[in-house]
Amino acid sequence: MSNLKEEFERYLKKNGFQISSFLLILEDTDSGSGISVFSFIKALLSQYSMGKIMELIGALVVYHFAEIRLENKDLKILLTQEGKNAVAKLKSLMGHKPVK
């Protein structure tokens, strides 16, 4: 799975995504309830084009960092365990303290 993480990081850099720009958004998915795809798009739309955001969502799924589920007529992005681990590692690298 480490190779997927490295590939995902290369993908982000190659396509000009700033990890910090969606890190806090993905934190919302830690609760287990996920974040709606619409909310995720809305939060990033001022920084990226719709096409880029859709690419990012696809990459999160392809690299096994998130999954998309339909819950109560709403598409949700939920982090996988690999995604949660990556977010925790990124937060620690950025100086965020873990919440206990």
C-alpha atoms as a PDB file:
ATOM      1  CA  MET A   1       0.000   0.000   0.000  1.00  0.00           C
ATOM      2  CA  SER A   2       3.023   2.259   0.493  1.00  0.00           C
ATOM      3  CA  ASN A   3       3.556   2.386  -3.269  1.00  0.00           C
ATOM      4  CA  LEU A   4      -0.013   3.643  -3.732  1.00  0.00           C
ATOM      5  CA  LYS A   5       0.628   6.397  -1.201  1.00  0.00           C
ATOM      6  CA  GLU A   6       3.777   7.472  -3.029  1.00  0.00           C
ATOM      7  CA  GLU A   7       1.966   7.354  -6.379  1.00  0.00           C
ATOM      8  CA  PHE A   8      -0.852   9.467  -4.948  1.00  0.00           C
ATOM      9  CA  GLU A   9       1.623  12.043  -3.609  1.00  0.00           C
ATOM     10  CA  ARG A  10       3.304  12.204  -7.042  1.00  0.00           C
ATOM     11  CA  TYR A  11      -0.114  12.597  -8.683  1.00  0.00           C
ATOM     12  CA  LEU A  12      -0.940  15.528  -6.377  1.00  0.00           C
ATOM     13  CA  LYS A  13       2.353  17.287  -7.061  1.00  0.00           C
ATOM     14  CA  LYS A  14       2.196  16.656 -10.808  1.00  0.00           C
ATOM     15  CA  ASN A  15      -1.319  18.095 -11.049  1.00  0.00           C
ATOM     16  CA  GLY A  16      -0.681  21.119  -8.842  1.00  0.00           C
ATOM     17  CA  PHE A  17      -2.849  20.161  -5.873  1.00  0.00           C
ATOM     18  CA  GLN A  18      -1.909  21.656  -2.522  1.00  0.00           C
ATOM     19  CA  ILE A  19      -2.383  18.978   0.113  1.00  0.00           C
ATOM     20  CA  SER A  20      -3.283  21.573   2.742  1.00  0.00           C
ATOM     21  CA  SER A  21      -6.165  22.843   0.589  1.00  0.00           C
ATOM     22  CA  PHE A  22      -8.181  19.668   1.022  1.00  0.00           C
ATOM     23  CA  LEU A  23      -6.626  18.239   4.194  1.00  0.00           C
ATOM     24  CA  LEU A  24      -8.990  20.083   6.508  1.00  0.00           C
ATOM     25  CA  ILE A  25     -11.951  19.209   4.313  1.00  0.00           C
ATOM     26  CA  LEU A  26     -11.087  15.519   4.521  1.00  0.00           C
ATOM     27  CA  GLU A  27     -10.820  15.798   8.302  1.00  0.00           C
ATOM     28  CA  ASP A  28     -14.607  16.048   8.303  1.00  0.00           C
ATOM     29  CA  THR A  29     -14.743  12.467   7.094  1.00  0.00           C
ATOM     30  CA  ASP A  30     -12.891  11.211  10.188  1.00  0.00           C
ATOM     31  CA  SER A  31     -16.157  11.070  12.117  1.00  0.00           C
ATOM     32  CA  GLY A  32     -17.196   8.183   9.908  1.00  0.00           C
ATOM     33  CA  SER A  33     -20.179   9.997   8.466  1.00  0.00           C
ATOM     34  CA  GLY A  34     -18.148  11.332   5.563  1.00  0.00           C
ATOM     35  CA  ILE A  35     -18.542  14.567   3.674  1.00  0.00           C
ATOM     36  CA  SER A  36     -20.937  15.055   0.814  1.00  0.00           C
ATOM     37  CA  VAL A  37     -19.384  15.210  -2.632  1.00  0.00           C
ATOM     38  CA  PHE A  38     -21.235  18.508  -3.152  1.00  0.00           C
ATOM     39  CA  SER A  39     -19.686  20.047  -0.009  1.00  0.00           C
ATOM     40  CA  PHE A  40     -16.231  18.841  -1.025  1.00  0.00           C
ATOM     41  CA  ILE A  41     -16.608  20.375  -4.495  1.00  0.00           C
ATOM     42  CA  LYS A  42     -18.031  23.610  -3.074  1.00  0.00           C
ATOM     43  CA  ALA A  43     -15.111  23.958  -0.642  1.00  0.00           C
ATOM     44  CA  LEU A  44     -12.506  23.577  -3.396  1.00  0.00           C
ATOM     45  CA  LEU A  45     -14.240  25.387  -6.259  1.00  0.00           C
ATOM     46  CA  SER A  46     -12.588  28.722  -5.516  1.00  0.00           C
ATOM     47  CA  GLN A  47      -9.146  27.108  -5.923  1.00  0.00           C
ATOM     48  CA  TYR A  48      -9.620  24.507  -8.657  1.00  0.00           C
ATOM     49  CA  SER A  49     -11.729  23.920 -11.740  1.00  0.00           C
ATOM     50  CA  MET A  50     -14.599  21.452 -11.603  1.00  0.00           C
ATOM     51  CA  GLY A  51     -12.642  19.046 -13.809  1.00  0.00           C
ATOM     52  CA  LYS A  52      -9.635  19.126 -11.463  1.00  0.00           C
ATOM     53  CA  ILE A  53     -11.841  18.488  -8.437  1.00  0.00           C
ATOM     54  CA  MET A  54     -13.488  15.521 -10.156  1.00  0.00           C
ATOM     55  CA  GLU A  55     -10.013  14.194 -11.010  1.00  0.00           C
ATOM     56  CA  LEU A  56      -9.035  14.525  -7.360  1.00  0.00           C
ATOM     57  CA  ILE A  57     -12.124  12.632  -6.185  1.00  0.00           C
ATOM     58  CA  GLY A  58     -11.344   9.893  -8.700  1.00  0.00           C
ATOM     59  CA  ALA A  59      -7.729   9.738  -7.542  1.00  0.00           C
ATOM     60  CA  LEU A  60      -8.792   9.443  -3.899  1.00  0.00           C
ATOM     61  CA  VAL A  61     -10.829   6.378  -4.857  1.00  0.00           C
ATOM     62  CA  VAL A  62      -8.312   4.859  -7.301  1.00  0.00           C
ATOM     63  CA  TYR A  63      -5.492   5.126  -4.761  1.00  0.00           C
ATOM     64  CA  HIS A  64      -7.723   3.623  -2.028  1.00  0.00           C
ATOM     65  CA  PHE A  65      -7.711   6.717   0.192  1.00  0.00           C
ATOM     66  CA  ALA A  66     -11.479   7.154   0.058  1.00  0.00           C
ATOM     67  CA  GLU A  67     -14.655   5.513  -1.117  1.00  0.00           C
ATOM     68  CA  ILE A  68     -17.851   6.988  -2.454  1.00  0.00           C
ATOM     69  CA  ARG A  69     -21.178   5.814  -1.013  1.00  0.00           C
ATOM     70  CA  LEU A  70     -24.783   6.774  -1.543  1.00  0.00           C
ATOM     71  CA  GLU A  71     -26.367   7.496   1.846  1.00  0.00           C
ATOM     72  CA  ASN A  72     -29.838   8.987   2.206  1.00  0.00           C
ATOM     73  CA  LYS A  73     -29.850  10.230  -1.402  1.00  0.00           C
ATOM     74  CA  ASP A  74     -26.499  11.975  -0.869  1.00  0.00           C
ATOM     75  CA  LEU A  75     -23.156  10.920  -2.330  1.00  0.00           C
ATOM     76  CA  LYS A  76     -20.582  10.825   0.464  1.00  0.00           C
ATOM     77  CA  ILE A  77     -16.796  10.654   0.453  1.00  0.00           C
ATOM     78  CA  LEU A  78     -15.558   8.440   3.275  1.00  0.00           C
ATOM     79  CA  LEU A  79     -11.898   7.940   4.084  1.00  0.00           C
ATOM     80  CA  THR A  80     -10.605   4.385   4.098  1.00  0.00           C
ATOM     81  CA  GLN A  81      -8.208   3.318   6.857  1.00  0.00           C
ATOM     82  CA  GLU A  82      -5.337   4.076   4.481  1.00  0.00           C
ATOM     83  CA  GLY A  83      -6.792   7.538   3.903  1.00  0.00           C
ATOM     84  CA  LYS A  84      -7.187   8.174   7.640  1.00  0.00           C
ATOM     85  CA  ASN A  85      -3.578   7.113   8.205  1.00  0.00           C
ATOM     86  CA  ALA A  86      -2.382   9.412   5.420  1.00  0.00           C
ATOM     87  CA  VAL A  87      -4.381  12.368   6.766  1.00  0.00           C
ATOM     88  CA  ALA A  88      -3.007  11.768  10.282  1.00  0.00           C
ATOM     89  CA  LYS A  89       0.544  11.608   8.931  1.00  0.00           C
ATOM     90  CA  LEU A  90       0.061  14.765   6.849  1.00  0.00           C
ATOM     91  CA  LYS A  91      -1.398  16.588   9.855  1.00  0.00           C
ATOM     92  CA  SER A  92       1.590  15.617  12.002  1.00  0.00           C
ATOM     93  CA  LEU A  93       3.979  16.771   9.272  1.00  0.00           C
ATOM     94  CA  MET A  94       2.131  20.086   9.124  1.00  0.00           C
ATOM     95  CA  GLY A  95       2.348  20.529  12.905  1.00  0.00           C
ATOM     96  CA  HIS A  96      -1.218  19.593  13.849  1.00  0.00           C
ATOM     97  CA  LYS A  97      -1.532  17.933  17.249  1.00  0.00           C
ATOM     98  CA  PRO A  98      -3.634  14.745  17.434  1.00  0.00           C
ATOM     99  CA  VAL A  99      -6.921  15.155  19.287  1.00  0.00           C
ATOM    100  CA  LYS A 100      -7.399  12.759  22.193  1.00  0.00           C
END
